[in-house]
Amino acid sequence: MFRRTTSLLTLVLPALALTAGTLAGLSSQALAAEYVVTMKDAAYSPAAITATLGDTVRFVNDDGETHNVFVPTLGHALDLGKQEAGAEKTLVLRTPGQFEVECVHHLSMTMTITVKP
């Protein structure tokens, strides 16, 4: 009986470890949220979001005008480039902190993103 139990454990324990490792990897992906920010009438909507590391922000140009997503904040700087009407671009939040998003085509068009660890 002891030998059979040992054999069963040698088969089951690695499978359980693999399952636990797979679930741990999936849990961080499954918990990631997506925020949709629309660009219309020279405004980002919403004008501010608070997210967590690993979340994504999808910027949707829901306007007839060209917009872009530009971040001048040190440590977060990026430029997703020009977005024509109907275009979408996605940003994965990989650095904690707060940063401002601007549209270089519409200087009053700004929003704030806060990323929590």
PDB file of N, CA and C in Angstrom:
ATOM      1  N   MET A   1       0.832  -1.201   0.000  1.00  0.00           N
ATOM      2  CA  MET A   1       0.000   0.000   0.000  1.00  0.00           C
ATOM      3  C   MET A   1       0.871   1.257   0.000  1.00  0.00           C
ATOM      4  N   PHE A   2       1.937   1.273   0.763  1.00  0.00           N
ATOM      5  CA  PHE A   2       2.814   2.435   0.820  1.00  0.00           C
ATOM      6  C   PHE A   2       3.430   2.712  -0.542  1.00  0.00           C
ATOM      7  N   ARG A   3       3.844   1.680  -1.230  1.00  0.00           N
ATOM      8  CA  ARG A   3       4.456   1.842  -2.538  1.00  0.00           C
ATOM      9  C   ARG A   3       3.463   2.440  -3.532  1.00  0.00           C
ATOM     10  N   ARG A   4       2.229   1.999  -3.527  1.00  0.00           N
ATOM     11  CA  ARG A   4       1.210   2.519  -4.429  1.00  0.00           C
ATOM     12  C   ARG A   4       0.939   3.995  -4.132  1.00  0.00           C
ATOM     13  N   THR A   5       0.852   4.382  -2.854  1.00  0.00           N
ATOM     14  CA  THR A   5       0.625   5.767  -2.465  1.00  0.00           C
ATOM     15  C   THR A   5       1.789   6.641  -2.929  1.00  0.00           C
ATOM     16  N   THR A   6       3.000   6.160  -2.762  1.00  0.00           N
ATOM     17  CA  THR A   6       4.168   6.913  -3.195  1.00  0.00           C
ATOM     18  C   THR A   6       4.143   7.119  -4.700  1.00  0.00           C
ATOM     19  N   SER A   7       3.793   6.097  -5.443  1.00  0.00           N
ATOM     20  CA  SER A   7       3.721   6.221  -6.893  1.00  0.00           C
ATOM     21  C   SER A   7       2.653   7.225  -7.302  1.00  0.00           C
ATOM     22  N   LEU A   8       1.525   7.180  -6.636  1.00  0.00           N
ATOM     23  CA  LEU A   8       0.447   8.108  -6.942  1.00  0.00           C
ATOM     24  C   LEU A   8       0.881   9.542  -6.630  1.00  0.00           C
ATOM     25  N   LEU A   9       1.559   9.738  -5.509  1.00  0.00           N
ATOM     26  CA  LEU A   9       2.027  11.082  -5.147  1.00  0.00           C
ATOM     27  C   LEU A   9       3.057  11.604  -6.142  1.00  0.00           C
ATOM     28  N   THR A  10       3.919  10.743  -6.647  1.00  0.00           N
ATOM     29  CA  THR A  10       4.911  11.217  -7.601  1.00  0.00           C
ATOM     30  C   THR A  10       4.267  11.656  -8.904  1.00  0.00           C
ATOM     31  N   LEU A  11       3.089  11.150  -9.194  1.00  0.00           N
ATOM     32  CA  LEU A  11       2.366  11.588 -10.389  1.00  0.00           C
ATOM     33  C   LEU A  11       1.523  12.827 -10.126  1.00  0.00           C
ATOM     34  N   VAL A  12       0.907  12.882  -8.955  1.00  0.00           N
ATOM     35  CA  VAL A  12      -0.039  13.958  -8.653  1.00  0.00           C
ATOM     36  C   VAL A  12       0.665  15.253  -8.254  1.00  0.00           C
ATOM     37  N   LEU A  13       1.707  15.187  -7.427  1.00  0.00           N
ATOM     38  CA  LEU A  13       2.353  16.412  -6.934  1.00  0.00           C
ATOM     39  C   LEU A  13       2.914  17.292  -8.048  1.00  0.00           C
ATOM     40  N   PRO A  14       3.638  16.755  -9.043  1.00  0.00           N
ATOM     41  CA  PRO A  14       4.101  17.637 -10.125  1.00  0.00           C
ATOM     42  C   PRO A  14       2.950  18.272 -10.897  1.00  0.00           C
ATOM     43  N   ALA A  15       1.874  17.520 -11.077  1.00  0.00           N
ATOM     44  CA  ALA A  15       0.713  18.073 -11.788  1.00  0.00           C
ATOM     45  C   ALA A  15       0.092  19.212 -10.992  1.00  0.00           C
ATOM     46  N   LEU A  16       0.009  19.043  -9.670  1.00  0.00           N
ATOM     47  CA  LEU A  16      -0.533  20.118  -8.833  1.00  0.00           C
ATOM     48  C   LEU A  16       0.364  21.341  -8.864  1.00  0.00           C
ATOM     49  N   ALA A  17       1.666  21.141  -8.828  1.00  0.00           N
ATOM     50  CA  ALA A  17       2.600  22.273  -8.881  1.00  0.00           C
ATOM     51  C   ALA A  17       2.475  23.011 -10.206  1.00  0.00           C
ATOM     52  N   LEU A  18       2.352  22.279 -11.305  1.00  0.00           N
ATOM     53  CA  LEU A  18       2.187  22.889 -12.617  1.00  0.00           C
ATOM     54  C   LEU A  18       0.895  23.680 -12.685  1.00  0.00           C
ATOM     55  N   THR A  19      -0.187  23.103 -12.149  1.00  0.00           N
ATOM     56  CA  THR A  19      -1.476  23.794 -12.143  1.00  0.00           C
ATOM     57  C   THR A  19      -1.403  25.063 -11.311  1.00  0.00           C
ATOM     58  N   ALA A  20      -0.791  24.993 -10.144  1.00  0.00           N
ATOM     59  CA  ALA A  20      -0.667  26.174  -9.282  1.00  0.00           C
ATOM     60  C   ALA A  20       0.152  27.257  -9.965  1.00  0.00           C
ATOM     61  N   GLY A  21       1.235  26.876 -10.621  1.00  0.00           N
ATOM     62  CA  GLY A  21       2.061  27.850 -11.328  1.00  0.00           C
ATOM     63  C   GLY A  21       1.311  28.492 -12.476  1.00  0.00           C
ATOM     64  N   THR A  22       0.544  27.692 -13.187  1.00  0.00           N
ATOM     65  CA  THR A  22      -0.249  28.214 -14.301  1.00  0.00           C
ATOM     66  C   THR A  22      -1.317  29.160 -13.795  1.00  0.00           C
ATOM     67  N   LEU A  23      -1.985  28.781 -12.720  1.00  0.00           N
ATOM     68  CA  LEU A  23      -3.028  29.646 -12.158  1.00  0.00           C
ATOM     69  C   LEU A  23      -2.446  30.939 -11.621  1.00  0.00           C
ATOM     70  N   ALA A  24      -1.262  30.887 -11.026  1.00  0.00           N
ATOM     71  CA  ALA A  24      -0.623  32.109 -10.518  1.00  0.00           C
ATOM     72  C   ALA A  24      -0.327  33.057 -11.663  1.00  0.00           C
ATOM     73  N   GLY A  25       0.148  32.539 -12.773  1.00  0.00           N
ATOM     74  CA  GLY A  25       0.422  33.375 -13.937  1.00  0.00           C
ATOM     75  C   GLY A  25      -0.842  33.945 -14.536  1.00  0.00           C
ATOM     76  N   LEU A  26      -1.893  33.156 -14.558  1.00  0.00           N
ATOM     77  CA  LEU A  26      -3.160  33.620 -15.119  1.00  0.00           C
ATOM     78  C   LEU A  26      -3.843  34.622 -14.213  1.00  0.00           C
ATOM     79  N   SER A  27      -3.675  34.470 -12.892  1.00  0.00           N
ATOM     80  CA  SER A  27      -4.388  35.358 -11.989  1.00  0.00           C
ATOM     81  C   SER A  27      -3.978  36.804 -12.185  1.00  0.00           C
ATOM     82  N   SER A  28      -2.699  37.086 -12.425  1.00  0.00           N
ATOM     83  CA  SER A  28      -2.283  38.468 -12.625  1.00  0.00           C
ATOM     84  C   SER A  28      -2.831  39.004 -13.946  1.00  0.00           C
ATOM     85  N   GLN A  29      -2.907  38.151 -14.976  1.00  0.00           N
ATOM     86  CA  GLN A  29      -3.473  38.584 -16.250  1.00  0.00           C
ATOM     87  C   GLN A  29      -4.981  38.742 -16.136  1.00  0.00           C
ATOM     88  N   ALA A  30      -5.616  37.820 -15.432  1.00  0.00           N
ATOM     89  CA  ALA A  30      -7.072  37.856 -15.308  1.00  0.00           C
ATOM     90  C   ALA A  30      -7.531  39.069 -14.515  1.00  0.00           C
ATOM     91  N   LEU A  31      -6.705  39.540 -13.597  1.00  0.00           N
ATOM     92  CA  LEU A  31      -7.073  40.675 -12.770  1.00  0.00           C
ATOM     93  C   LEU A  31      -6.804  42.010 -13.451  1.00  0.00           C
ATOM     94  N   ALA A  32      -6.044  42.022 -14.525  1.00  0.00           N
ATOM     95  CA  ALA A  32      -5.745  43.273 -15.223  1.00  0.00           C
ATOM     96  C   ALA A  32      -7.032  43.846 -15.814  1.00  0.00           C
ATOM     97  N   ALA A  33      -7.204  45.140 -15.648  1.00  0.00           N
ATOM     98  CA  ALA A  33      -8.395  45.821 -16.155  1.00  0.00           C
ATOM     99  C   ALA A  33      -8.053  46.592 -17.423  1.00  0.00           C
ATOM    100  N   GLU A  34      -9.062  46.881 -18.200  1.00  0.00           N
ATOM    101  CA  GLU A  34      -8.892  47.733 -19.371  1.00  0.00           C
ATOM    102  C   GLU A  34      -9.771  48.971 -19.184  1.00  0.00           C
ATOM    103  N   TYR A  35      -9.171  50.119 -19.396  1.00  0.00           N
ATOM    104  CA  TYR A  35      -9.891  51.390 -19.345  1.00  0.00           C
ATOM    105  C   TYR A  35      -9.997  51.918 -20.759  1.00  0.00           C
ATOM    106  N   VAL A  36     -11.169  52.380 -21.139  1.00  0.00           N
ATOM    107  CA  VAL A  36     -11.371  52.951 -22.466  1.00  0.00           C
ATOM    108  C   VAL A  36     -11.475  54.463 -22.314  1.00  0.00           C
ATOM    109  N   VAL A  37     -10.613  55.162 -23.032  1.00  0.00           N
ATOM    110  CA  VAL A  37     -10.610  56.625 -23.029  1.00  0.00           C
ATOM    111  C   VAL A  37     -10.960  57.068 -24.438  1.00  0.00           C
ATOM    112  N   THR A  38     -12.036  57.840 -24.564  1.00  0.00           N
ATOM    113  CA  THR A  38     -12.412  58.353 -25.877  1.00  0.00           C
ATOM    114  C   THR A  38     -11.838  59.744 -26.074  1.00  0.00           C
ATOM    115  N   MET A  39     -11.568  60.058 -27.324  1.00  0.00           N
ATOM    116  CA  MET A  39     -11.071  61.374 -27.704  1.00  0.00           C
ATOM    117  C   MET A  39     -12.113  61.979 -28.633  1.00  0.00           C
ATOM    118  N   LYS A  40     -12.750  63.040 -28.155  1.00  0.00           N
ATOM    119  CA  LYS A  40     -13.807  63.672 -28.934  1.00  0.00           C
ATOM    120  C   LYS A  40     -13.993  65.103 -28.467  1.00  0.00           C
ATOM    121  N   ASP A  41     -14.256  66.000 -29.414  1.00  0.00           N
ATOM    122  CA  ASP A  41     -14.503  67.410 -29.098  1.00  0.00           C
ATOM    123  C   ASP A  41     -13.356  68.017 -28.287  1.00  0.00           C
ATOM    124  N   ALA A  42     -12.117  67.711 -28.685  1.00  0.00           N
ATOM    125  CA  ALA A  42     -10.911  68.239 -28.036  1.00  0.00           C
ATOM    126  C   ALA A  42     -10.877  67.922 -26.545  1.00  0.00           C
ATOM    127  N   ALA A  43     -11.308  66.698 -26.184  1.00  0.00           N
ATOM    128  CA  ALA A  43     -11.269  66.272 -24.784  1.00  0.00           C
ATOM    129  C   ALA A  43     -11.059  64.764 -24.697  1.00  0.00           C
ATOM    130  N   TYR A  44     -10.345  64.354 -23.644  1.00  0.00           N
ATOM    131  CA  TYR A  44     -10.259  62.946 -23.281  1.00  0.00           C
ATOM    132  C   TYR A  44     -11.398  62.662 -22.309  1.00  0.00           C
ATOM    133  N   SER A  45     -12.044  61.538 -22.438  1.00  0.00           N
ATOM    134  CA  SER A  45     -13.109  61.178 -21.510  1.00  0.00           C
ATOM    135  C   SER A  45     -12.969  59.711 -21.121  1.00  0.00           C
ATOM    136  N   PRO A  46     -12.780  59.442 -19.830  1.00  0.00           N
ATOM    137  CA  PRO A  46     -12.772  60.380 -18.713  1.00  0.00           C
ATOM    138  C   PRO A  46     -11.485  61.207 -18.684  1.00  0.00           C
ATOM    139  N   ALA A  47     -11.508  62.284 -17.908  1.00  0.00           N
ATOM    140  CA  ALA A  47     -10.361  63.190 -17.816  1.00  0.00           C
ATOM    141  C   ALA A  47      -9.319  62.704 -16.821  1.00  0.00           C
ATOM    142  N   ALA A  48      -9.660  61.689 -16.031  1.00  0.00           N
ATOM    143  CA  ALA A  48      -8.713  61.120 -15.067  1.00  0.00           C
ATOM    144  C   ALA A  48      -9.103  59.677 -14.791  1.00  0.00           C
ATOM    145  N   ILE A  49      -8.090  58.819 -14.660  1.00  0.00           N
ATOM    146  CA  ILE A  49      -8.334  57.440 -14.242  1.00  0.00           C
ATOM    147  C   ILE A  49      -7.272  57.051 -13.218  1.00  0.00           C
ATOM    148  N   THR A  50      -7.635  56.133 -12.356  1.00  0.00           N
ATOM    149  CA  THR A  50      -6.707  55.515 -11.420  1.00  0.00           C
ATOM    150  C   THR A  50      -6.708  54.030 -11.728  1.00  0.00           C
ATOM    151  N   ALA A  51      -5.536  53.503 -12.026  1.00  0.00           N
ATOM    152  CA  ALA A  51      -5.407  52.119 -12.446  1.00  0.00           C
ATOM    153  C   ALA A  51      -4.307  51.432 -11.647  1.00  0.00           C
ATOM    154  N   THR A  52      -4.070  50.169 -11.963  1.00  0.00           N
ATOM    155  CA  THR A  52      -3.060  49.358 -11.289  1.00  0.00           C
ATOM    156  C   THR A  52      -2.043  48.885 -12.318  1.00  0.00           C
ATOM    157  N   LEU A  53      -0.821  48.658 -11.869  1.00  0.00           N
ATOM    158  CA  LEU A  53       0.211  48.128 -12.759  1.00  0.00           C
ATOM    159  C   LEU A  53      -0.329  46.930 -13.542  1.00  0.00           C
ATOM    160  N   GLY A  54      -0.056  46.904 -14.833  1.00  0.00           N
ATOM    161  CA  GLY A  54      -0.504  45.804 -15.680  1.00  0.00           C
ATOM    162  C   GLY A  54      -1.821  46.069 -16.371  1.00  0.00           C
ATOM    163  N   ASP A  55      -2.581  47.048 -15.897  1.00  0.00           N
ATOM    164  CA  ASP A  55      -3.832  47.408 -16.563  1.00  0.00           C
ATOM    165  C   ASP A  55      -3.516  48.030 -17.921  1.00  0.00           C
ATOM    166  N   THR A  56      -4.513  48.094 -18.774  1.00  0.00           N
ATOM    167  CA  THR A  56      -4.329  48.727 -20.077  1.00  0.00           C
ATOM    168  C   THR A  56      -5.303  49.886 -20.236  1.00  0.00           C
ATOM    169  N   VAL A  57      -4.870  50.841 -21.043  1.00  0.00           N
ATOM    170  CA  VAL A  57      -5.733  51.962 -21.409  1.00  0.00           C
ATOM    171  C   VAL A  57      -5.848  51.928 -22.927  1.00  0.00           C
ATOM    172  N   ARG A  58      -7.072  51.852 -23.402  1.00  0.00           N
ATOM    173  CA  ARG A  58      -7.315  51.862 -24.846  1.00  0.00           C
ATOM    174  C   ARG A  58      -7.848  53.240 -25.213  1.00  0.00           C
ATOM    175  N   PHE A  59      -7.102  53.948 -26.056  1.00  0.00           N
ATOM    176  CA  PHE A  59      -7.475  55.283 -26.507  1.00  0.00           C
ATOM    177  C   PHE A  59      -8.205  55.149 -27.838  1.00  0.00           C
ATOM    178  N   VAL A  60      -9.438  55.642 -27.881  1.00  0.00           N
ATOM    179  CA  VAL A  60     -10.283  55.525 -29.068  1.00  0.00           C
ATOM    180  C   VAL A  60     -10.582  56.927 -29.595  1.00  0.00           C
ATOM    181  N   ASN A  61     -10.203  57.186 -30.841  1.00  0.00           N
ATOM    182  CA  ASN A  61     -10.525  58.474 -31.452  1.00  0.00           C
ATOM    183  C   ASN A  61     -11.945  58.384 -32.000  1.00  0.00           C
ATOM    184  N   ASP A  62     -12.872  58.950 -31.248  1.00  0.00           N
ATOM    185  CA  ASP A  62     -14.296  58.908 -31.588  1.00  0.00           C
ATOM    186  C   ASP A  62     -14.723  60.254 -32.162  1.00  0.00           C
ATOM    187  N   ASP A  63     -13.855  60.821 -32.984  1.00  0.00           N
ATOM    188  CA  ASP A  63     -14.032  62.178 -33.470  1.00  0.00           C
ATOM    189  C   ASP A  63     -13.673  62.229 -34.951  1.00  0.00           C
ATOM    190  N   GLY A  64     -14.026  63.289 -35.617  1.00  0.00           N
ATOM    191  CA  GLY A  64     -13.628  63.498 -37.004  1.00  0.00           C
ATOM    192  C   GLY A  64     -12.273  64.177 -37.124  1.00  0.00           C
ATOM    193  N   GLU A  65     -11.694  64.551 -35.985  1.00  0.00           N
ATOM    194  CA  GLU A  65     -10.405  65.238 -35.938  1.00  0.00           C
ATOM    195  C   GLU A  65      -9.273  64.252 -35.637  1.00  0.00           C
ATOM    196  N   THR A  66      -8.062  64.617 -36.033  1.00  0.00           N
ATOM    197  CA  THR A  66      -6.884  63.844 -35.668  1.00  0.00           C
ATOM    198  C   THR A  66      -6.477  64.197 -34.242  1.00  0.00           C
ATOM    199  N   HIS A  67      -6.132  63.180 -33.449  1.00  0.00           N
ATOM    200  CA  HIS A  67      -5.650  63.373 -32.081  1.00  0.00           C
ATOM    201  C   HIS A  67      -4.374  62.562 -31.915  1.00  0.00           C
ATOM    202  N   ASN A  68      -3.761  62.689 -30.738  1.00  0.00           N
ATOM    203  CA  ASN A  68      -2.669  61.791 -30.396  1.00  0.00           C
ATOM    204  C   ASN A  68      -2.578  61.665 -28.895  1.00  0.00           C
ATOM    205  N   VAL A  69      -1.742  60.726 -28.446  1.00  0.00           N
ATOM    206  CA  VAL A  69      -1.513  60.482 -27.031  1.00  0.00           C
ATOM    207  C   VAL A  69      -0.033  60.732 -26.795  1.00  0.00           C
ATOM    208  N   PHE A  70       0.241  61.809 -26.065  1.00  0.00           N
ATOM    209  CA  PHE A  70       1.613  62.215 -25.792  1.00  0.00           C
ATOM    210  C   PHE A  70       1.755  62.391 -24.288  1.00  0.00           C
ATOM    211  N   VAL A  71       2.804  61.788 -23.705  1.00  0.00           N
ATOM    212  CA  VAL A  71       3.055  61.892 -22.271  1.00  0.00           C
ATOM    213  C   VAL A  71       4.433  62.530 -22.068  1.00  0.00           C
ATOM    214  N   PRO A  72       4.474  63.780 -21.556  1.00  0.00           N
ATOM    215  CA  PRO A  72       5.755  64.441 -21.338  1.00  0.00           C
ATOM    216  C   PRO A  72       6.360  64.176 -19.952  1.00  0.00           C
ATOM    217  N   THR A  73       5.619  63.532 -19.061  1.00  0.00           N
ATOM    218  CA  THR A  73       6.049  63.342 -17.681  1.00  0.00           C
ATOM    219  C   THR A  73       7.297  62.462 -17.598  1.00  0.00           C
ATOM    220  N   LEU A  74       8.327  62.972 -16.926  1.00  0.00           N
ATOM    221  CA  LEU A  74       9.584  62.251 -16.755  1.00  0.00           C
ATOM    222  C   LEU A  74       9.329  60.880 -16.130  1.00  0.00           C
ATOM    223  N   GLY A  75       9.911  59.850 -16.703  1.00  0.00           N
ATOM    224  CA  GLY A  75       9.726  58.486 -16.220  1.00  0.00           C
ATOM    225  C   GLY A  75       8.558  57.765 -16.849  1.00  0.00           C
ATOM    226  N   HIS A  76       7.718  58.506 -17.539  1.00  0.00           N
ATOM    227  CA  HIS A  76       6.545  57.925 -18.202  1.00  0.00           C
ATOM    228  C   HIS A  76       6.463  58.342 -19.671  1.00  0.00           C
ATOM    229  N   ALA A  77       7.415  59.144 -20.124  1.00  0.00           N
ATOM    230  CA  ALA A  77       7.332  59.780 -21.438  1.00  0.00           C
ATOM    231  C   ALA A  77       7.103  58.768 -22.561  1.00  0.00           C
ATOM    232  N   LEU A  78       6.170  59.135 -23.445  1.00  0.00           N
ATOM    233  CA  LEU A  78       5.894  58.333 -24.632  1.00  0.00           C
ATOM    234  C   LEU A  78       5.060  59.144 -25.608  1.00  0.00           C
ATOM    235  N   ASP A  79       5.026  58.687 -26.820  1.00  0.00           N
ATOM    236  CA  ASP A  79       4.212  59.301 -27.867  1.00  0.00           C
ATOM    237  C   ASP A  79       3.632  58.167 -28.698  1.00  0.00           C
ATOM    238  N   LEU A  80       2.325  57.949 -28.578  1.00  0.00           N
ATOM    239  CA  LEU A  80       1.669  56.893 -29.348  1.00  0.00           C
ATOM    240  C   LEU A  80       1.413  57.313 -30.792  1.00  0.00           C
ATOM    241  N   GLY A  81       1.744  58.557 -31.106  1.00  0.00           N
ATOM    242  CA  GLY A  81       1.616  59.010 -32.489  1.00  0.00           C
ATOM    243  C   GLY A  81       0.219  59.478 -32.844  1.00  0.00           C
ATOM    244  N   LYS A  82       0.106  59.884 -34.090  1.00  0.00           N
ATOM    245  CA  LYS A  82      -1.139  60.440 -34.620  1.00  0.00           C
ATOM    246  C   LYS A  82      -2.209  59.357 -34.706  1.00  0.00           C
ATOM    247  N   GLN A  83      -3.430  59.726 -34.320  1.00  0.00           N
ATOM    248  CA  GLN A  83      -4.570  58.832 -34.432  1.00  0.00           C
ATOM    249  C   GLN A  83      -5.642  59.508 -35.282  1.00  0.00           C
ATOM    250  N   GLU A  84      -5.868  58.929 -36.434  1.00  0.00           N
ATOM    251  CA  GLU A  84      -6.925  59.433 -37.306  1.00  0.00           C
ATOM    252  C   GLU A  84      -8.295  59.044 -36.736  1.00  0.00           C
ATOM    253  N   ALA A  85      -9.343  59.599 -37.287  1.00  0.00           N
ATOM    254  CA  ALA A  85     -10.707  59.292 -36.850  1.00  0.00           C
ATOM    255  C   ALA A  85     -10.937  57.785 -36.856  1.00  0.00           C
ATOM    256  N   GLY A  86     -11.491  57.270 -35.763  1.00  0.00           N
ATOM    257  CA  GLY A  86     -11.808  55.850 -35.644  1.00  0.00           C
ATOM    258  C   GLY A  86     -10.659  54.967 -35.195  1.00  0.00           C
ATOM    259  N   ALA A  87      -9.452  55.517 -35.127  1.00  0.00           N
ATOM    260  CA  ALA A  87      -8.282  54.703 -34.744  1.00  0.00           C
ATOM    261  C   ALA A  87      -8.273  54.431 -33.245  1.00  0.00           C
ATOM    262  N   GLU A  88      -7.650  53.312 -32.872  1.00  0.00           N
ATOM    263  CA  GLU A  88      -7.486  52.926 -31.475  1.00  0.00           C
ATOM    264  C   GLU A  88      -6.027  52.556 -31.223  1.00  0.00           C
ATOM    265  N   LYS A  89      -5.535  52.922 -30.041  1.00  0.00           N
ATOM    266  CA  LYS A  89      -4.190  52.519 -29.617  1.00  0.00           C
ATOM    267  C   LYS A  89      -4.272  52.126 -28.148  1.00  0.00           C
ATOM    268  N   THR A  90      -3.442  51.150 -27.782  1.00  0.00           N
ATOM    269  CA  THR A  90      -3.476  50.623 -26.419  1.00  0.00           C
ATOM    270  C   THR A  90      -2.148  50.856 -25.716  1.00  0.00           C
ATOM    271  N   LEU A  91      -2.241  51.200 -24.455  1.00  0.00           N
ATOM    272  CA  LEU A  91      -1.076  51.447 -23.608  1.00  0.00           C
ATOM    273  C   LEU A  91      -1.164  50.521 -22.398  1.00  0.00           C
ATOM    274  N   VAL A  92      -0.118  49.711 -22.168  1.00  0.00           N
ATOM    275  CA  VAL A  92      -0.039  48.877 -20.967  1.00  0.00           C
ATOM    276  C   VAL A  92       0.689  49.679 -19.902  1.00  0.00           C
ATOM    277  N   LEU A  93       0.101  49.780 -18.726  1.00  0.00           N
ATOM    278  CA  LEU A  93       0.665  50.582 -17.641  1.00  0.00           C
ATOM    279  C   LEU A  93       1.705  49.762 -16.888  1.00  0.00           C
ATOM    280  N   ARG A  94       2.975  50.129 -17.062  1.00  0.00           N
ATOM    281  CA  ARG A  94       4.084  49.339 -16.506  1.00  0.00           C
ATOM    282  C   ARG A  94       4.889  50.063 -15.429  1.00  0.00           C
ATOM    283  N   THR A  95       4.583  51.347 -15.172  1.00  0.00           N
ATOM    284  CA  THR A  95       5.349  52.122 -14.192  1.00  0.00           C
ATOM    285  C   THR A  95       4.378  52.829 -13.252  1.00  0.00           C
ATOM    286  N   PRO A  96       4.537  52.651 -11.936  1.00  0.00           N
ATOM    287  CA  PRO A  96       3.642  53.339 -11.009  1.00  0.00           C
ATOM    288  C   PRO A  96       3.922  54.840 -10.972  1.00  0.00           C
ATOM    289  N   GLY A  97       2.914  55.591 -10.606  1.00  0.00           N
ATOM    290  CA  GLY A  97       3.044  57.038 -10.488  1.00  0.00           C
ATOM    291  C   GLY A  97       1.889  57.743 -11.176  1.00  0.00           C
ATOM    292  N   GLN A  98       2.018  59.033 -11.288  1.00  0.00           N
ATOM    293  CA  GLN A  98       0.981  59.848 -11.924  1.00  0.00           C
ATOM    294  C   GLN A  98       1.596  60.582 -13.105  1.00  0.00           C
ATOM    295  N   PHE A  99       0.857  60.623 -14.209  1.00  0.00           N
ATOM    296  CA  PHE A  99       1.355  61.337 -15.368  1.00  0.00           C
ATOM    297  C   PHE A  99       0.217  61.987 -16.141  1.00  0.00           C
ATOM    298  N   GLU A 100       0.607  63.013 -16.899  1.00  0.00           N
ATOM    299  CA  GLU A 100      -0.365  63.750 -17.709  1.00  0.00           C
ATOM    300  C   GLU A 100      -0.278  63.278 -19.152  1.00  0.00           C
ATOM    301  N   VAL A 101      -1.436  63.170 -19.767  1.00  0.00           N
ATOM    302  CA  VAL A 101      -1.543  62.826 -21.178  1.00  0.00           C
ATOM    303  C   VAL A 101      -2.017  64.076 -21.906  1.00  0.00           C
ATOM    304  N   GLU A 102      -1.363  64.377 -23.022  1.00  0.00           N
ATOM    305  CA  GLU A 102      -1.712  65.559 -23.808  1.00  0.00           C
ATOM    306  C   GLU A 102      -1.955  65.175 -25.260  1.00  0.00           C
ATOM    307  N   CYS A 103      -2.697  66.007 -25.953  1.00  0.00           N
ATOM    308  CA  CYS A 103      -2.847  65.897 -27.399  1.00  0.00           C
ATOM    309  C   CYS A 103      -2.083  67.074 -28.008  1.00  0.00           C
ATOM    310  N   VAL A 104      -1.076  66.784 -28.830  1.00  0.00           N
ATOM    311  CA  VAL A 104      -0.282  67.871 -29.398  1.00  0.00           C
ATOM    312  C   VAL A 104      -1.061  68.672 -30.436  1.00  0.00           C
ATOM    313  N   HIS A 105      -2.185  68.148 -30.894  1.00  0.00           N
ATOM    314  CA  HIS A 105      -3.017  68.864 -31.866  1.00  0.00           C
ATOM    315  C   HIS A 105      -4.000  69.823 -31.189  1.00  0.00           C
ATOM    316  N   HIS A 106      -4.312  69.562 -29.914  1.00  0.00           N
ATOM    317  CA  HIS A 106      -5.261  70.381 -29.152  1.00  0.00           C
ATOM    318  C   HIS A 106      -4.651  70.623 -27.771  1.00  0.00           C
ATOM    319  N   LEU A 107      -4.015  71.757 -27.586  1.00  0.00           N
ATOM    320  CA  LEU A 107      -3.223  72.024 -26.389  1.00  0.00           C
ATOM    321  C   LEU A 107      -4.021  72.005 -25.084  1.00  0.00           C
ATOM    322  N   SER A 108      -5.309  72.269 -25.140  1.00  0.00           N
ATOM    323  CA  SER A 108      -6.116  72.238 -23.914  1.00  0.00           C
ATOM    324  C   SER A 108      -6.625  70.829 -23.603  1.00  0.00           C
ATOM    325  N   MET A 109      -6.336  69.884 -24.468  1.00  0.00           N
ATOM    326  CA  MET A 109      -6.813  68.499 -24.307  1.00  0.00           C
ATOM    327  C   MET A 109      -5.817  67.711 -23.469  1.00  0.00           C
ATOM    328  N   THR A 110      -6.166  67.520 -22.171  1.00  0.00           N
ATOM    329  CA  THR A 110      -5.280  66.799 -21.259  1.00  0.00           C
ATOM    330  C   THR A 110      -6.099  65.842 -20.384  1.00  0.00           C
ATOM    331  N   MET A 111      -5.398  64.892 -19.822  1.00  0.00           N
ATOM    332  CA  MET A 111      -5.993  64.002 -18.824  1.00  0.00           C
ATOM    333  C   MET A 111      -4.878  63.530 -17.905  1.00  0.00           C
ATOM    334  N   THR A 112      -5.257  62.947 -16.770  1.00  0.00           N
ATOM    335  CA  THR A 112      -4.296  62.436 -15.790  1.00  0.00           C
ATOM    336  C   THR A 112      -4.535  60.956 -15.567  1.00  0.00           C
ATOM    337  N   ILE A 113      -3.435  60.198 -15.551  1.00  0.00           N
ATOM    338  CA  ILE A 113      -3.505  58.776 -15.238  1.00  0.00           C
ATOM    339  C   ILE A 113      -2.641  58.531 -14.000  1.00  0.00           C
ATOM    340  N   THR A 114      -3.236  57.899 -12.998  1.00  0.00           N
ATOM    341  CA  THR A 114      -2.521  57.508 -11.798  1.00  0.00           C
ATOM    342  C   THR A 114      -2.422  55.989 -11.796  1.00  0.00           C
ATOM    343  N   VAL A 115      -1.190  55.488 -11.649  1.00  0.00           N
ATOM    344  CA  VAL A 115      -0.945  54.040 -11.671  1.00  0.00           C
ATOM    345  C   VAL A 115      -0.467  53.617 -10.284  1.00  0.00           C
ATOM    346  N   LYS A 116      -1.246  52.763  -9.637  1.00  0.00           N
ATOM    347  CA  LYS A 116      -0.883  52.255  -8.321  1.00  0.00           C
ATOM    348  C   LYS A 116      -0.129  50.941  -8.469  1.00  0.00           C
ATOM    349  N   PRO A 117       0.811  50.675  -7.546  1.00  0.00           N
ATOM    350  CA  PRO A 117       1.572  49.405  -7.621  1.00  0.00           C
ATOM    351  C   PRO A 117       0.679  48.187  -7.434  1.00  0.00           C
TER     352      PRO A 117
END
